[in-house]
Amino acid sequence: MTRCCLSRLKQVLTSLMLVLPLWSGAQNSVNLPSRIELHPIQSTTLTGDEFLRGGQAGKPVTLAGELRLPVGTTAKYPVVVLVHGSGGVSGSMDMWLHQLNQAGIATFVIDTFSGRGIVSTVQDQTQLHSLAMMVDAYRALDMLAKHPRIDAKKISVMGFSKGAVASVFSASTRFKAMYGSRAQFAAHIGLYTPCNTRYLGDTQLTGAPMRFFHGTTDDYVNVAPCRSYVQTLKQQGVDVSLTEFPDTEHGYDSPLAPKRLAVPNAQSTRNCYFTEKSPAELVNEKTGAAFSYTDACVAVGAHVGHNPESTAQTVKAVVEFLKSL
């Protein structure tokens, strides 16, 4: 067998080890949640400008969320709010649900799309601004903080790509004051996070620890802006880290994806750097032009792909981090 084939076989076996609990759950009750609850989440839909101005009413919307409680006799569980990416809630989310539940951590998945009549924003990100999803995350936090089986002091948030904007920047004291409540996230986790838009006050944070995970070959969301952002936060004493994986594409944690898959029509701002000069005034750092998805820096076409080894390392790091809180 050639070296190439052996390498691919190793990747497949690693993937199987990650998703095997999903297939064997019928025979092993430990791999199944003890309880599943579906909850309505009352939120609002805001444009990016409306969000950044604050105090905007927005359009009311009812969203759905799924809470899974782990097997066990614990009175109250820690929980992670999971915010999906541009493709919506997919089967790949199951990997995270099972891994976290088996570690004794409850999960709450928000569907930020269906209640708004959205299927996917991959080709058209203007359908829903990433910041609007942050409001949804805050409303999930409020609901979970009152749940009798949830430890209100151990509610974390983890987002993927578009959803990572909500999970990471919800640590901003500015945004929390605008859309949050007395409840606070215990930790913020972002996978392949778009860090290329810098907001006013985005280094003034709640103090909750933050973790970033990203592939160095990601041509959908550039890792470089996250390096800069994390370095700035470290200099301010924030408990934050960025873990980078070589030969790792966007969406690398999805066991359902091949090693590399082209997404020809995907909108990507990988070449863009935007800054909020004044409230709700986002401009291109290089040209000074106002933010727009018609900006010349916006690219069309990118890749996604699964990397089993990077996934396994991310799962291990996330579980250990959450258990340390």
C-alpha atoms as a PDB file:
ATOM      1  CA  MET A   1       0.000   0.000   0.000  1.00  0.00           C
ATOM      2  CA  THR A   2       1.347   3.434  -0.929  1.00  0.00           C
ATOM      3  CA  ARG A   3       2.213   6.092   1.628  1.00  0.00           C
ATOM      4  CA  CYS A   4      -0.677   8.220   0.297  1.00  0.00           C
ATOM      5  CA  CYS A   5      -3.172   5.402   0.823  1.00  0.00           C
ATOM      6  CA  LEU A   6      -1.852   4.675   4.307  1.00  0.00           C
ATOM      7  CA  SER A   7      -2.203   8.337   5.257  1.00  0.00           C
ATOM      8  CA  ARG A   8      -5.778   8.456   3.989  1.00  0.00           C
ATOM      9  CA  LEU A   9      -6.619   5.203   5.797  1.00  0.00           C
ATOM     10  CA  LYS A  10      -5.301   6.676   9.027  1.00  0.00           C
ATOM     11  CA  GLN A  11      -7.538   9.716   8.558  1.00  0.00           C
ATOM     12  CA  VAL A  12     -10.602   7.564   7.923  1.00  0.00           C
ATOM     13  CA  LEU A  13      -9.930   5.442  11.014  1.00  0.00           C
ATOM     14  CA  THR A  14      -9.537   8.570  13.147  1.00  0.00           C
ATOM     15  CA  SER A  15     -12.872   9.851  11.838  1.00  0.00           C
ATOM     16  CA  LEU A  16     -14.511   6.545  12.692  1.00  0.00           C
ATOM     17  CA  MET A  17     -13.174   6.737  16.239  1.00  0.00           C
ATOM     18  CA  LEU A  18     -14.789  10.163  16.629  1.00  0.00           C
ATOM     19  CA  VAL A  19     -18.195   9.287  15.215  1.00  0.00           C
ATOM     20  CA  LEU A  20     -18.412   5.658  16.396  1.00  0.00           C
ATOM     21  CA  PRO A  21     -20.257   6.662  19.588  1.00  0.00           C
ATOM     22  CA  LEU A  22     -22.998   8.117  17.391  1.00  0.00           C
ATOM     23  CA  TRP A  23     -23.517   4.769  15.640  1.00  0.00           C
ATOM     24  CA  SER A  24     -23.213   2.587  18.728  1.00  0.00           C
ATOM     25  CA  GLY A  25     -25.531   4.703  20.896  1.00  0.00           C
ATOM     26  CA  ALA A  26     -28.366   2.192  20.582  1.00  0.00           C
ATOM     27  CA  GLN A  27     -26.229  -0.393  22.360  1.00  0.00           C
ATOM     28  CA  ASN A  28     -24.602   1.974  24.883  1.00  0.00           C
ATOM     29  CA  SER A  29     -26.896   4.298  26.832  1.00  0.00           C
ATOM     30  CA  VAL A  30     -23.891   6.324  28.025  1.00  0.00           C
ATOM     31  CA  ASN A  31     -23.644   7.714  24.475  1.00  0.00           C
ATOM     32  CA  LEU A  32     -27.207   9.015  24.573  1.00  0.00           C
ATOM     33  CA  PRO A  33     -28.505  12.117  26.355  1.00  0.00           C
ATOM     34  CA  SER A  34     -30.718  11.458  29.360  1.00  0.00           C
ATOM     35  CA  ARG A  35     -33.167  14.127  28.264  1.00  0.00           C
ATOM     36  CA  ILE A  36     -33.865  16.259  25.189  1.00  0.00           C
ATOM     37  CA  GLU A  37     -35.917  19.433  25.426  1.00  0.00           C
ATOM     38  CA  LEU A  38     -37.024  21.787  22.649  1.00  0.00           C
ATOM     39  CA  HIS A  39     -37.353  25.443  23.628  1.00  0.00           C
ATOM     40  CA  PRO A  40     -38.662  28.509  21.798  1.00  0.00           C
ATOM     41  CA  ILE A  41     -36.309  31.495  21.924  1.00  0.00           C
ATOM     42  CA  GLN A  42     -37.833  34.959  21.579  1.00  0.00           C
ATOM     43  CA  SER A  43     -35.311  37.142  19.765  1.00  0.00           C
ATOM     44  CA  THR A  44     -35.137  40.008  17.287  1.00  0.00           C
ATOM     45  CA  THR A  45     -33.699  40.400  13.792  1.00  0.00           C
ATOM     46  CA  LEU A  46     -31.386  43.369  13.349  1.00  0.00           C
ATOM     47  CA  THR A  47     -29.240  44.573  10.484  1.00  0.00           C
ATOM     48  CA  GLY A  48     -25.561  45.086  11.198  1.00  0.00           C
ATOM     49  CA  ASP A  49     -26.022  48.872  11.394  1.00  0.00           C
ATOM     50  CA  GLU A  50     -29.020  48.543  13.710  1.00  0.00           C
ATOM     51  CA  PHE A  51     -27.089  46.224  15.988  1.00  0.00           C
ATOM     52  CA  LEU A  52     -24.101  48.547  16.241  1.00  0.00           C
ATOM     53  CA  ARG A  53     -26.232  51.622  16.899  1.00  0.00           C
ATOM     54  CA  GLY A  54     -27.950  49.907  19.814  1.00  0.00           C
ATOM     55  CA  GLY A  55     -31.425  50.634  21.117  1.00  0.00           C
ATOM     56  CA  GLN A  56     -33.058  49.454  17.911  1.00  0.00           C
ATOM     57  CA  ALA A  57     -36.321  47.514  18.199  1.00  0.00           C
ATOM     58  CA  GLY A  58     -35.667  45.146  15.313  1.00  0.00           C
ATOM     59  CA  LYS A  59     -38.147  42.597  14.033  1.00  0.00           C
ATOM     60  CA  PRO A  60     -39.391  40.069  16.626  1.00  0.00           C
ATOM     61  CA  VAL A  61     -38.732  36.433  15.764  1.00  0.00           C
ATOM     62  CA  THR A  62     -39.268  33.090  17.451  1.00  0.00           C
ATOM     63  CA  LEU A  63     -36.393  30.650  17.082  1.00  0.00           C
ATOM     64  CA  ALA A  64     -35.953  27.049  18.153  1.00  0.00           C
ATOM     65  CA  GLY A  65     -33.326  25.569  20.422  1.00  0.00           C
ATOM     66  CA  GLU A  66     -32.533  22.012  21.480  1.00  0.00           C
ATOM     67  CA  LEU A  67     -31.254  21.261  24.982  1.00  0.00           C
ATOM     68  CA  ARG A  68     -29.593  17.901  25.668  1.00  0.00           C
ATOM     69  CA  LEU A  69     -28.833  16.893  29.246  1.00  0.00           C
ATOM     70  CA  PRO A  70     -26.144  14.244  29.840  1.00  0.00           C
ATOM     71  CA  VAL A  71     -26.717  10.913  31.517  1.00  0.00           C
ATOM     72  CA  GLY A  72     -26.104  11.191  35.249  1.00  0.00           C
ATOM     73  CA  THR A  73     -27.535  12.209  38.590  1.00  0.00           C
ATOM     74  CA  THR A  74     -25.993  15.675  38.744  1.00  0.00           C
ATOM     75  CA  ALA A  75     -28.474  18.263  39.976  1.00  0.00           C
ATOM     76  CA  LYS A  76     -27.192  21.011  37.713  1.00  0.00           C
ATOM     77  CA  TYR A  77     -25.026  20.713  34.611  1.00  0.00           C
ATOM     78  CA  PRO A  78     -22.635  23.065  32.831  1.00  0.00           C
ATOM     79  CA  VAL A  79     -23.876  23.804  29.326  1.00  0.00           C
ATOM     80  CA  VAL A  80     -22.526  25.056  26.011  1.00  0.00           C
ATOM     81  CA  VAL A  81     -24.614  27.188  23.663  1.00  0.00           C
ATOM     82  CA  LEU A  82     -23.702  26.162  20.103  1.00  0.00           C
ATOM     83  CA  VAL A  83     -24.103  28.740  17.324  1.00  0.00           C
ATOM     84  CA  HIS A  84     -23.978  27.273  13.806  1.00  0.00           C
ATOM     85  CA  GLY A  85     -22.304  28.694  10.722  1.00  0.00           C
ATOM     86  CA  SER A  86     -23.506  29.850   7.304  1.00  0.00           C
ATOM     87  CA  GLY A  87     -24.812  26.412   6.343  1.00  0.00           C
ATOM     88  CA  GLY A  88     -27.245  26.252   9.269  1.00  0.00           C
ATOM     89  CA  VAL A  89     -27.610  23.343  11.696  1.00  0.00           C
ATOM     90  CA  SER A  90     -26.253  20.250   9.978  1.00  0.00           C
ATOM     91  CA  GLY A  91     -25.643  16.634  10.891  1.00  0.00           C
ATOM     92  CA  SER A  92     -22.033  17.452  11.699  1.00  0.00           C
ATOM     93  CA  MET A  93     -23.222  19.226  14.860  1.00  0.00           C
ATOM     94  CA  ASP A  94     -24.063  15.797  16.279  1.00  0.00           C
ATOM     95  CA  MET A  95     -20.387  15.040  16.769  1.00  0.00           C
ATOM     96  CA  TRP A  96     -20.066  17.937  19.199  1.00  0.00           C
ATOM     97  CA  LEU A  97     -23.316  17.109  20.974  1.00  0.00           C
ATOM     98  CA  HIS A  98     -22.251  13.539  21.677  1.00  0.00           C
ATOM     99  CA  GLN A  99     -18.703  14.409  22.656  1.00  0.00           C
ATOM    100  CA  LEU A 100     -19.820  17.119  25.079  1.00  0.00           C
ATOM    101  CA  ASN A 101     -22.699  15.100  26.514  1.00  0.00           C
ATOM    102  CA  GLN A 102     -20.413  12.127  27.143  1.00  0.00           C
ATOM    103  CA  ALA A 103     -18.109  14.486  29.032  1.00  0.00           C
ATOM    104  CA  GLY A 104     -20.991  15.437  31.326  1.00  0.00           C
ATOM    105  CA  ILE A 105     -21.662  18.782  29.635  1.00  0.00           C
ATOM    106  CA  ALA A 106     -25.144  19.760  28.462  1.00  0.00           C
ATOM    107  CA  THR A 107     -25.611  21.307  25.015  1.00  0.00           C
ATOM    108  CA  PHE A 108     -28.008  23.876  23.616  1.00  0.00           C
ATOM    109  CA  VAL A 109     -28.152  24.297  19.837  1.00  0.00           C
ATOM    110  CA  ILE A 110     -29.817  27.438  18.470  1.00  0.00           C
ATOM    111  CA  ASP A 111     -31.312  27.330  14.995  1.00  0.00           C
ATOM    112  CA  THR A 112     -30.907  30.985  14.002  1.00  0.00           C
ATOM    113  CA  PHE A 113     -32.099  30.404  10.425  1.00  0.00           C
ATOM    114  CA  SER A 114     -35.360  28.432  10.176  1.00  0.00           C
ATOM    115  CA  GLY A 115     -37.472  30.859  12.201  1.00  0.00           C
ATOM    116  CA  ARG A 116     -36.305  33.620   9.861  1.00  0.00           C
ATOM    117  CA  GLY A 117     -37.059  31.646   6.701  1.00  0.00           C
ATOM    118  CA  ILE A 118     -33.361  31.216   5.889  1.00  0.00           C
ATOM    119  CA  VAL A 119     -31.837  27.973   4.638  1.00  0.00           C
ATOM    120  CA  SER A 120     -28.230  29.048   4.073  1.00  0.00           C
ATOM    121  CA  THR A 121     -26.225  32.266   3.850  1.00  0.00           C
ATOM    122  CA  VAL A 122     -23.219  30.698   2.098  1.00  0.00           C
ATOM    123  CA  GLN A 123     -23.919  32.494  -1.173  1.00  0.00           C
ATOM    124  CA  ASP A 124     -25.587  35.574   0.314  1.00  0.00           C
ATOM    125  CA  GLN A 125     -24.425  36.750   3.733  1.00  0.00           C
ATOM    126  CA  THR A 126     -26.714  39.794   3.612  1.00  0.00           C
ATOM    127  CA  GLN A 127     -29.668  37.602   4.612  1.00  0.00           C
ATOM    128  CA  LEU A 128     -28.568  37.765   8.245  1.00  0.00           C
ATOM    129  CA  HIS A 129     -25.722  39.710   9.799  1.00  0.00           C
ATOM    130  CA  SER A 130     -23.371  37.715  12.018  1.00  0.00           C
ATOM    131  CA  LEU A 131     -23.883  40.225  14.840  1.00  0.00           C
ATOM    132  CA  ALA A 132     -27.642  39.570  14.838  1.00  0.00           C
ATOM    133  CA  MET A 133     -26.899  36.002  15.858  1.00  0.00           C
ATOM    134  CA  MET A 134     -25.321  37.394  19.023  1.00  0.00           C
ATOM    135  CA  VAL A 135     -28.732  38.608  20.189  1.00  0.00           C
ATOM    136  CA  ASP A 136     -29.972  35.025  19.774  1.00  0.00           C
ATOM    137  CA  ALA A 137     -27.067  33.751  21.887  1.00  0.00           C
ATOM    138  CA  TYR A 138     -27.828  36.255  24.658  1.00  0.00           C
ATOM    139  CA  ARG A 139     -31.500  35.210  24.685  1.00  0.00           C
ATOM    140  CA  ALA A 140     -30.450  31.551  24.947  1.00  0.00           C
ATOM    141  CA  LEU A 141     -28.193  32.512  27.858  1.00  0.00           C
ATOM    142  CA  ASP A 142     -31.131  34.172  29.642  1.00  0.00           C
ATOM    143  CA  MET A 143     -33.334  31.107  29.186  1.00  0.00           C
ATOM    144  CA  LEU A 144     -30.671  28.654  30.341  1.00  0.00           C
ATOM    145  CA  ALA A 145     -29.735  30.754  33.378  1.00  0.00           C
ATOM    146  CA  LYS A 146     -33.254  30.110  34.700  1.00  0.00           C
ATOM    147  CA  HIS A 147     -33.361  26.395  33.867  1.00  0.00           C
ATOM    148  CA  PRO A 148     -33.552  24.202  37.000  1.00  0.00           C
ATOM    149  CA  ARG A 149     -31.045  21.645  35.647  1.00  0.00           C
ATOM    150  CA  ILE A 150     -28.422  24.149  34.449  1.00  0.00           C
ATOM    151  CA  ASP A 151     -25.608  25.710  36.483  1.00  0.00           C
ATOM    152  CA  ALA A 152     -26.106  29.403  35.689  1.00  0.00           C
ATOM    153  CA  LYS A 153     -22.446  30.136  36.440  1.00  0.00           C
ATOM    154  CA  LYS A 154     -21.211  27.608  33.886  1.00  0.00           C
ATOM    155  CA  ILE A 155     -22.955  28.570  30.646  1.00  0.00           C
ATOM    156  CA  SER A 156     -20.411  28.839  27.837  1.00  0.00           C
ATOM    157  CA  VAL A 157     -20.846  29.656  24.159  1.00  0.00           C
ATOM    158  CA  MET A 158     -19.142  28.102  21.137  1.00  0.00           C
ATOM    159  CA  GLY A 159     -19.618  29.227  17.549  1.00  0.00           C
ATOM    160  CA  PHE A 160     -18.566  28.021  14.133  1.00  0.00           C
ATOM    161  CA  SER A 161     -17.473  30.474  11.415  1.00  0.00           C
ATOM    162  CA  LYS A 162     -20.378  32.950  11.060  1.00  0.00           C
ATOM    163  CA  GLY A 163     -21.650  31.797  14.439  1.00  0.00           C
ATOM    164  CA  ALA A 164     -18.208  32.312  15.966  1.00  0.00           C
ATOM    165  CA  VAL A 165     -18.659  36.073  15.564  1.00  0.00           C
ATOM    166  CA  ALA A 166     -21.559  35.779  18.011  1.00  0.00           C
ATOM    167  CA  SER A 167     -19.708  33.449  20.381  1.00  0.00           C
ATOM    168  CA  VAL A 168     -16.464  35.441  20.509  1.00  0.00           C
ATOM    169  CA  PHE A 169     -17.623  39.055  20.413  1.00  0.00           C
ATOM    170  CA  SER A 170     -20.416  38.439  22.934  1.00  0.00           C
ATOM    171  CA  ALA A 171     -17.539  38.825  25.413  1.00  0.00           C
ATOM    172  CA  SER A 172     -17.575  42.573  24.628  1.00  0.00           C
ATOM    173  CA  THR A 173     -18.879  44.638  27.545  1.00  0.00           C
ATOM    174  CA  ARG A 174     -20.285  47.091  25.008  1.00  0.00           C
ATOM    175  CA  PHE A 175     -22.409  44.471  23.279  1.00  0.00           C
ATOM    176  CA  LYS A 176     -23.401  42.832  26.562  1.00  0.00           C
ATOM    177  CA  ALA A 177     -24.633  46.192  27.879  1.00  0.00           C
ATOM    178  CA  MET A 178     -26.603  46.729  24.676  1.00  0.00           C
ATOM    179  CA  TYR A 179     -28.210  43.303  24.293  1.00  0.00           C
ATOM    180  CA  GLY A 180     -27.324  41.122  27.273  1.00  0.00           C
ATOM    181  CA  SER A 181     -28.560  40.955  30.849  1.00  0.00           C
ATOM    182  CA  ARG A 182     -27.132  40.217  34.295  1.00  0.00           C
ATOM    183  CA  ALA A 183     -26.399  36.673  33.121  1.00  0.00           C
ATOM    184  CA  GLN A 184     -22.885  36.165  31.752  1.00  0.00           C
ATOM    185  CA  PHE A 185     -21.180  33.543  29.634  1.00  0.00           C
ATOM    186  CA  ALA A 186     -18.510  31.607  31.535  1.00  0.00           C
ATOM    187  CA  ALA A 187     -16.342  31.138  28.427  1.00  0.00           C
ATOM    188  CA  HIS A 188     -16.232  31.989  24.722  1.00  0.00           C
ATOM    189  CA  ILE A 189     -15.010  29.534  22.068  1.00  0.00           C
ATOM    190  CA  GLY A 190     -14.657  30.190  18.351  1.00  0.00           C
ATOM    191  CA  LEU A 191     -13.837  27.721  15.585  1.00  0.00           C
ATOM    192  CA  TYR A 192     -12.477  29.280  12.364  1.00  0.00           C
ATOM    193  CA  THR A 193     -13.605  32.712  13.556  1.00  0.00           C
ATOM    194  CA  PRO A 194     -13.844  35.735  11.230  1.00  0.00           C
ATOM    195  CA  CYS A 195     -11.696  38.227  13.188  1.00  0.00           C
ATOM    196  CA  ASN A 196     -11.254  40.615  10.257  1.00  0.00           C
ATOM    197  CA  THR A 197     -13.776  43.181  11.478  1.00  0.00           C
ATOM    198  CA  ARG A 198     -12.693  45.182  14.496  1.00  0.00           C
ATOM    199  CA  TYR A 199     -15.431  46.832  16.508  1.00  0.00           C
ATOM    200  CA  LEU A 200     -15.285  49.751  18.893  1.00  0.00           C
ATOM    201  CA  GLY A 201     -14.596  48.406  22.378  1.00  0.00           C
ATOM    202  CA  ASP A 202     -13.860  44.861  21.202  1.00  0.00           C
ATOM    203  CA  THR A 203     -10.920  44.636  23.613  1.00  0.00           C
ATOM    204  CA  GLN A 204     -13.009  45.690  26.607  1.00  0.00           C
ATOM    205  CA  LEU A 205     -14.291  42.306  27.714  1.00  0.00           C
ATOM    206  CA  THR A 206     -16.224  40.647  30.511  1.00  0.00           C
ATOM    207  CA  GLY A 207     -13.156  38.758  31.716  1.00  0.00           C
ATOM    208  CA  ALA A 208     -14.400  35.295  30.730  1.00  0.00           C
ATOM    209  CA  PRO A 209     -11.674  33.110  29.151  1.00  0.00           C
ATOM    210  CA  MET A 210     -11.584  32.740  25.361  1.00  0.00           C
ATOM    211  CA  ARG A 211     -10.313  29.994  23.055  1.00  0.00           C
ATOM    212  CA  PHE A 212      -9.838  30.129  19.284  1.00  0.00           C
ATOM    213  CA  PHE A 213      -9.197  27.176  16.934  1.00  0.00           C
ATOM    214  CA  HIS A 214      -8.310  27.619  13.258  1.00  0.00           C
ATOM    215  CA  GLY A 215      -6.711  25.890  10.282  1.00  0.00           C
ATOM    216  CA  THR A 216      -3.706  27.569   8.657  1.00  0.00           C
ATOM    217  CA  THR A 217      -4.812  26.536   5.150  1.00  0.00           C
ATOM    218  CA  ASP A 218      -8.354  27.885   5.614  1.00  0.00           C
ATOM    219  CA  ASP A 219      -9.096  29.889   2.450  1.00  0.00           C
ATOM    220  CA  TYR A 220     -12.669  30.692   3.523  1.00  0.00           C
ATOM    221  CA  VAL A 221     -11.834  32.610   6.725  1.00  0.00           C
ATOM    222  CA  ASN A 222      -8.285  33.924   7.067  1.00  0.00           C
ATOM    223  CA  VAL A 223      -6.547  33.046  10.354  1.00  0.00           C
ATOM    224  CA  ALA A 224      -4.183  36.072  10.260  1.00  0.00           C
ATOM    225  CA  PRO A 225      -6.635  38.621  11.759  1.00  0.00           C
ATOM    226  CA  CYS A 226      -7.260  36.277  14.704  1.00  0.00           C
ATOM    227  CA  ARG A 227      -3.534  36.121  15.393  1.00  0.00           C
ATOM    228  CA  SER A 228      -3.454  39.901  15.672  1.00  0.00           C
ATOM    229  CA  TYR A 229      -6.627  40.109  17.778  1.00  0.00           C
ATOM    230  CA  VAL A 230      -5.527  37.371  20.189  1.00  0.00           C
ATOM    231  CA  GLN A 231      -2.096  38.965  20.584  1.00  0.00           C
ATOM    232  CA  THR A 232      -3.722  42.279  21.493  1.00  0.00           C
ATOM    233  CA  LEU A 233      -5.938  40.569  24.070  1.00  0.00           C
ATOM    234  CA  LYS A 234      -2.978  38.716  25.576  1.00  0.00           C
ATOM    235  CA  GLN A 235      -1.131  41.995  26.037  1.00  0.00           C
ATOM    236  CA  GLN A 236      -4.114  43.185  28.062  1.00  0.00           C
ATOM    237  CA  GLY A 237      -3.973  40.131  30.313  1.00  0.00           C
ATOM    238  CA  VAL A 238      -6.987  38.316  28.857  1.00  0.00           C
ATOM    239  CA  ASP A 239      -7.059  34.534  29.340  1.00  0.00           C
ATOM    240  CA  VAL A 240      -7.071  33.720  25.630  1.00  0.00           C
ATOM    241  CA  SER A 241      -5.341  31.360  23.210  1.00  0.00           C
ATOM    242  CA  LEU A 242      -5.340  30.577  19.497  1.00  0.00           C
ATOM    243  CA  THR A 243      -4.628  27.001  18.446  1.00  0.00           C
ATOM    244  CA  GLU A 244      -3.631  26.627  14.800  1.00  0.00           C
ATOM    245  CA  PHE A 245      -3.626  23.409  12.813  1.00  0.00           C
ATOM    246  CA  PRO A 246      -1.555  22.886   9.647  1.00  0.00           C
ATOM    247  CA  ASP A 247      -3.117  21.357   6.529  1.00  0.00           C
ATOM    248  CA  THR A 248      -6.562  22.100   7.929  1.00  0.00           C
ATOM    249  CA  GLU A 249      -9.477  23.560   5.958  1.00  0.00           C
ATOM    250  CA  HIS A 250     -12.551  25.516   6.931  1.00  0.00           C
ATOM    251  CA  GLY A 251     -15.159  23.393   8.709  1.00  0.00           C
ATOM    252  CA  TYR A 252     -12.459  20.855   9.543  1.00  0.00           C
ATOM    253  CA  ASP A 253     -14.466  19.387  12.450  1.00  0.00           C
ATOM    254  CA  SER A 254     -17.243  17.979  10.244  1.00  0.00           C
ATOM    255  CA  PRO A 255     -16.944  14.173   9.960  1.00  0.00           C
ATOM    256  CA  LEU A 256     -19.433  14.327   7.081  1.00  0.00           C
ATOM    257  CA  ALA A 257     -17.098  16.328   4.836  1.00  0.00           C
ATOM    258  CA  PRO A 258     -14.381  14.950   2.548  1.00  0.00           C
ATOM    259  CA  LYS A 259     -10.759  15.983   2.987  1.00  0.00           C
ATOM    260  CA  ARG A 260     -11.211  18.988   0.683  1.00  0.00           C
ATOM    261  CA  LEU A 261     -14.306  20.210  -1.135  1.00  0.00           C
ATOM    262  CA  ALA A 262     -14.693  23.303  -3.317  1.00  0.00           C
ATOM    263  CA  VAL A 263     -17.604  25.655  -2.611  1.00  0.00           C
ATOM    264  CA  PRO A 264     -17.576  27.731  -5.834  1.00  0.00           C
ATOM    265  CA  ASN A 265     -20.273  30.257  -4.888  1.00  0.00           C
ATOM    266  CA  ALA A 266     -19.282  30.910  -1.285  1.00  0.00           C
ATOM    267  CA  GLN A 267     -18.912  34.576  -0.314  1.00  0.00           C
ATOM    268  CA  SER A 268     -15.627  35.094   1.515  1.00  0.00           C
ATOM    269  CA  THR A 269     -14.135  38.198   3.140  1.00  0.00           C
ATOM    270  CA  ARG A 270     -10.745  36.504   3.622  1.00  0.00           C
ATOM    271  CA  ASN A 271      -9.003  39.415   1.874  1.00  0.00           C
ATOM    272  CA  CYS A 272     -10.911  42.124   3.739  1.00  0.00           C
ATOM    273  CA  TYR A 273     -10.115  44.130   6.856  1.00  0.00           C
ATOM    274  CA  PHE A 274     -12.917  46.280   8.221  1.00  0.00           C
ATOM    275  CA  THR A 275     -12.932  48.723  11.138  1.00  0.00           C
ATOM    276  CA  GLU A 276     -15.738  50.465  12.996  1.00  0.00           C
ATOM    277  CA  LYS A 277     -14.575  54.104  12.956  1.00  0.00           C
ATOM    278  CA  SER A 278     -17.627  55.417  14.806  1.00  0.00           C
ATOM    279  CA  PRO A 279     -20.776  53.600  15.971  1.00  0.00           C
ATOM    280  CA  ALA A 280     -22.237  51.684  13.004  1.00  0.00           C
ATOM    281  CA  GLU A 281     -19.661  53.144  10.582  1.00  0.00           C
ATOM    282  CA  LEU A 282     -17.730  50.166   9.192  1.00  0.00           C
ATOM    283  CA  VAL A 283     -15.056  50.953   6.629  1.00  0.00           C
ATOM    284  CA  ASN A 284     -12.482  49.069   4.600  1.00  0.00           C
ATOM    285  CA  GLU A 285      -9.131  49.685   6.338  1.00  0.00           C
ATOM    286  CA  LYS A 286      -7.260  49.861   3.033  1.00  0.00           C
ATOM    287  CA  THR A 287      -9.614  52.031   0.986  1.00  0.00           C
ATOM    288  CA  GLY A 288     -11.736  53.867   3.543  1.00  0.00           C
ATOM    289  CA  ALA A 289     -14.861  52.791   1.661  1.00  0.00           C
ATOM    290  CA  ALA A 290     -17.987  51.823   3.585  1.00  0.00           C
ATOM    291  CA  PHE A 291     -18.472  48.126   4.340  1.00  0.00           C
ATOM    292  CA  SER A 292     -20.291  46.242   1.601  1.00  0.00           C
ATOM    293  CA  TYR A 293     -20.419  42.705   0.257  1.00  0.00           C
ATOM    294  CA  THR A 294     -19.890  44.262  -3.164  1.00  0.00           C
ATOM    295  CA  ASP A 295     -16.464  45.515  -2.023  1.00  0.00           C
ATOM    296  CA  ALA A 296     -13.624  44.484  -4.333  1.00  0.00           C
ATOM    297  CA  CYS A 297     -11.963  42.604  -1.457  1.00  0.00           C
ATOM    298  CA  VAL A 298     -14.877  40.157  -1.199  1.00  0.00           C
ATOM    299  CA  ALA A 299     -13.997  36.900  -2.934  1.00  0.00           C
ATOM    300  CA  VAL A 300     -16.263  34.206  -4.343  1.00  0.00           C
ATOM    301  CA  GLY A 301     -15.246  30.583  -3.936  1.00  0.00           C
ATOM    302  CA  ALA A 302     -13.527  28.730  -1.099  1.00  0.00           C
ATOM    303  CA  HIS A 303     -12.959  25.257   0.288  1.00  0.00           C
ATOM    304  CA  VAL A 304     -14.115  23.185   3.245  1.00  0.00           C
ATOM    305  CA  GLY A 305     -12.804  19.830   4.413  1.00  0.00           C
ATOM    306  CA  HIS A 306     -12.529  17.437   7.315  1.00  0.00           C
ATOM    307  CA  ASN A 307      -9.279  16.855   9.194  1.00  0.00           C
ATOM    308  CA  PRO A 308      -9.729  14.012  11.711  1.00  0.00           C
ATOM    309  CA  GLU A 309      -6.532  14.678  13.650  1.00  0.00           C
ATOM    310  CA  SER A 310      -7.228  18.399  14.052  1.00  0.00           C
ATOM    311  CA  THR A 311     -10.804  17.550  15.072  1.00  0.00           C
ATOM    312  CA  ALA A 312      -9.664  15.103  17.727  1.00  0.00           C
ATOM    313  CA  GLN A 313      -7.230  17.633  19.169  1.00  0.00           C
ATOM    314  CA  THR A 314      -9.889  20.351  19.192  1.00  0.00           C
ATOM    315  CA  VAL A 315     -12.450  18.140  20.918  1.00  0.00           C
ATOM    316  CA  LYS A 316      -9.921  17.152  23.581  1.00  0.00           C
ATOM    317  CA  ALA A 317      -8.869  20.768  24.165  1.00  0.00           C
ATOM    318  CA  VAL A 318     -12.457  22.077  24.328  1.00  0.00           C
ATOM    319  CA  VAL A 319     -13.627  19.382  26.753  1.00  0.00           C
ATOM    320  CA  GLU A 320     -10.625  19.864  29.029  1.00  0.00           C
ATOM    321  CA  PHE A 321     -11.082  23.644  28.930  1.00  0.00           C
ATOM    322  CA  LEU A 322     -14.780  23.466  29.799  1.00  0.00           C
ATOM    323  CA  LYS A 323     -14.163  21.016  32.624  1.00  0.00           C
ATOM    324  CA  SER A 324     -11.573  23.364  34.101  1.00  0.00           C
ATOM    325  CA  LEU A 325     -14.051  26.230  34.499  1.00  0.00           C
END
